[in-house]
């Protein structure tokens, strides 16, 4: 439970967001987020799958280069996916 002072501070912050970025405020209230297109979703899935396979192959073959490229591909796929969740 929030104190009265904390509730007032939250109201001030909400008003600031409404004034500074009304589009973000509207998107958060309505739950409207930009969805990934089918192509971008497939690219993210392909990168993550490719990265996971390279990590597995690199671990089995004890190859540092395969591990590095796999981690890089997996990280890129995850970052693309997370970056698309913004309103």
C-alpha atoms as a PDB file:
ATOM      1  CA  UNK A   1       0.000   0.000   0.000  1.00  0.00           C
ATOM      2  CA  UNK A   2       1.354   3.401  -0.977  1.00  0.00           C
ATOM      3  CA  UNK A   3       1.380   6.345   1.366  1.00  0.00           C
ATOM      4  CA  UNK A   4      -0.473   9.530   0.477  1.00  0.00           C
ATOM      5  CA  UNK A   5       2.784  11.263  -0.439  1.00  0.00           C
ATOM      6  CA  UNK A   6       3.811   8.406  -2.748  1.00  0.00           C
ATOM      7  CA  UNK A   7       0.402   8.470  -4.471  1.00  0.00           C
ATOM      8  CA  UNK A   8       0.759  12.208  -5.069  1.00  0.00           C
ATOM      9  CA  UNK A   9       4.225  11.712  -6.510  1.00  0.00           C
ATOM     10  CA  UNK A  10       2.895   9.014  -8.857  1.00  0.00           C
ATOM     11  CA  UNK A  11       0.117  11.345 -10.043  1.00  0.00           C
ATOM     12  CA  UNK A  12       2.723  14.043 -10.749  1.00  0.00           C
ATOM     13  CA  UNK A  13       4.801  11.561 -12.755  1.00  0.00           C
ATOM     14  CA  UNK A  14       1.710  10.397 -14.688  1.00  0.00           C
ATOM     15  CA  UNK A  15       0.795  13.983 -15.577  1.00  0.00           C
ATOM     16  CA  UNK A  16       4.375  14.640 -16.703  1.00  0.00           C
ATOM     17  CA  UNK A  17       4.247  11.605 -19.009  1.00  0.00           C
ATOM     18  CA  UNK A  18       0.864  12.670 -20.381  1.00  0.00           C
ATOM     19  CA  UNK A  19       2.239  16.107 -21.227  1.00  0.00           C
ATOM     20  CA  UNK A  20       5.671  15.080 -22.501  1.00  0.00           C
ATOM     21  CA  UNK A  21       4.694  11.999 -24.552  1.00  0.00           C
ATOM     22  CA  UNK A  22       0.932  11.610 -25.060  1.00  0.00           C
ATOM     23  CA  UNK A  23       1.390   8.922 -27.735  1.00  0.00           C
ATOM     24  CA  UNK A  24       3.340   6.669 -25.357  1.00  0.00           C
ATOM     25  CA  UNK A  25       0.798   7.280 -22.603  1.00  0.00           C
ATOM     26  CA  UNK A  26      -2.065   6.340 -24.935  1.00  0.00           C
ATOM     27  CA  UNK A  27      -0.266   3.197 -26.125  1.00  0.00           C
ATOM     28  CA  UNK A  28       0.426   2.058 -22.558  1.00  0.00           C
ATOM     29  CA  UNK A  29      -3.160   2.641 -21.465  1.00  0.00           C
ATOM     30  CA  UNK A  30      -4.677   0.859 -24.457  1.00  0.00           C
ATOM     31  CA  UNK A  31      -2.073  -1.900 -24.610  1.00  0.00           C
ATOM     32  CA  UNK A  32      -1.346  -1.071 -28.246  1.00  0.00           C
ATOM     33  CA  UNK A  33       2.126  -2.215 -29.177  1.00  0.00           C
ATOM     34  CA  UNK A  34       3.778  -2.481 -32.534  1.00  0.00           C
ATOM     35  CA  UNK A  35       3.823  -6.107 -33.616  1.00  0.00           C
ATOM     36  CA  UNK A  36       6.555  -7.760 -35.574  1.00  0.00           C
ATOM     37  CA  UNK A  37       5.943  -8.398 -39.221  1.00  0.00           C
ATOM     38  CA  UNK A  38       6.085 -11.968 -40.441  1.00  0.00           C
ATOM     39  CA  UNK A  39       9.427 -11.469 -42.212  1.00  0.00           C
ATOM     40  CA  UNK A  40      11.099  -9.869 -39.201  1.00  0.00           C
ATOM     41  CA  UNK A  41       9.727 -12.580 -36.917  1.00  0.00           C
ATOM     42  CA  UNK A  42      11.183 -15.253 -39.212  1.00  0.00           C
ATOM     43  CA  UNK A  43      14.557 -13.471 -39.325  1.00  0.00           C
ATOM     44  CA  UNK A  44      14.650 -13.325 -35.507  1.00  0.00           C
ATOM     45  CA  UNK A  45      13.700 -16.991 -35.218  1.00  0.00           C
ATOM     46  CA  UNK A  46      16.258 -17.999 -37.855  1.00  0.00           C
ATOM     47  CA  UNK A  47      19.045 -16.037 -36.135  1.00  0.00           C
ATOM     48  CA  UNK A  48      18.216 -17.501 -32.733  1.00  0.00           C
ATOM     49  CA  UNK A  49      18.019 -21.044 -34.118  1.00  0.00           C
ATOM     50  CA  UNK A  50      21.226 -20.641 -36.121  1.00  0.00           C
ATOM     51  CA  UNK A  51      22.998 -19.210 -33.070  1.00  0.00           C
ATOM     52  CA  UNK A  52      21.838 -22.048 -30.833  1.00  0.00           C
ATOM     53  CA  UNK A  53      22.991 -24.633 -33.384  1.00  0.00           C
ATOM     54  CA  UNK A  54      26.405 -22.992 -33.700  1.00  0.00           C
ATOM     55  CA  UNK A  55      26.777 -22.864 -29.927  1.00  0.00           C
ATOM     56  CA  UNK A  56      25.950 -26.560 -29.748  1.00  0.00           C
ATOM     57  CA  UNK A  57      28.368 -27.436 -32.554  1.00  0.00           C
ATOM     58  CA  UNK A  58      31.063 -25.248 -31.034  1.00  0.00           C
ATOM     59  CA  UNK A  59      30.659 -26.942 -27.663  1.00  0.00           C
ATOM     60  CA  UNK A  60      30.828 -30.428 -29.173  1.00  0.00           C
ATOM     61  CA  UNK A  61      33.762 -29.600 -31.460  1.00  0.00           C
ATOM     62  CA  UNK A  62      35.480 -27.445 -28.814  1.00  0.00           C
ATOM     63  CA  UNK A  63      35.759 -24.678 -31.384  1.00  0.00           C
ATOM     64  CA  UNK A  64      35.908 -21.169 -29.918  1.00  0.00           C
ATOM     65  CA  UNK A  65      35.132 -19.490 -33.244  1.00  0.00           C
ATOM     66  CA  UNK A  66      31.842 -21.399 -33.631  1.00  0.00           C
ATOM     67  CA  UNK A  67      30.917 -20.556 -30.056  1.00  0.00           C
ATOM     68  CA  UNK A  68      31.639 -16.869 -30.624  1.00  0.00           C
ATOM     69  CA  UNK A  69      29.654 -16.658 -33.882  1.00  0.00           C
ATOM     70  CA  UNK A  70      26.797 -18.613 -32.296  1.00  0.00           C
ATOM     71  CA  UNK A  71      26.635 -16.298 -29.307  1.00  0.00           C
ATOM     72  CA  UNK A  72      26.765 -13.294 -31.623  1.00  0.00           C
ATOM     73  CA  UNK A  73      23.921 -14.624 -33.813  1.00  0.00           C
ATOM     74  CA  UNK A  74      21.774 -15.606 -30.829  1.00  0.00           C
ATOM     75  CA  UNK A  75      22.307 -12.228 -29.170  1.00  0.00           C
ATOM     76  CA  UNK A  76      21.456 -10.375 -32.379  1.00  0.00           C
ATOM     77  CA  UNK A  77      18.229 -12.346 -32.796  1.00  0.00           C
ATOM     78  CA  UNK A  78      17.189 -11.724 -29.208  1.00  0.00           C
ATOM     79  CA  UNK A  79      17.986  -8.000 -29.457  1.00  0.00           C
ATOM     80  CA  UNK A  80      15.932  -7.673 -32.639  1.00  0.00           C
ATOM     81  CA  UNK A  81      13.030  -9.440 -30.953  1.00  0.00           C
ATOM     82  CA  UNK A  82      13.199  -7.356 -27.779  1.00  0.00           C
ATOM     83  CA  UNK A  83      13.674  -4.141 -29.718  1.00  0.00           C
ATOM     84  CA  UNK A  84      10.438  -4.739 -31.591  1.00  0.00           C
ATOM     85  CA  UNK A  85       8.352  -4.870 -28.404  1.00  0.00           C
ATOM     86  CA  UNK A  86       8.423  -1.106 -28.014  1.00  0.00           C
ATOM     87  CA  UNK A  87       5.199   0.865 -28.567  1.00  0.00           C
END
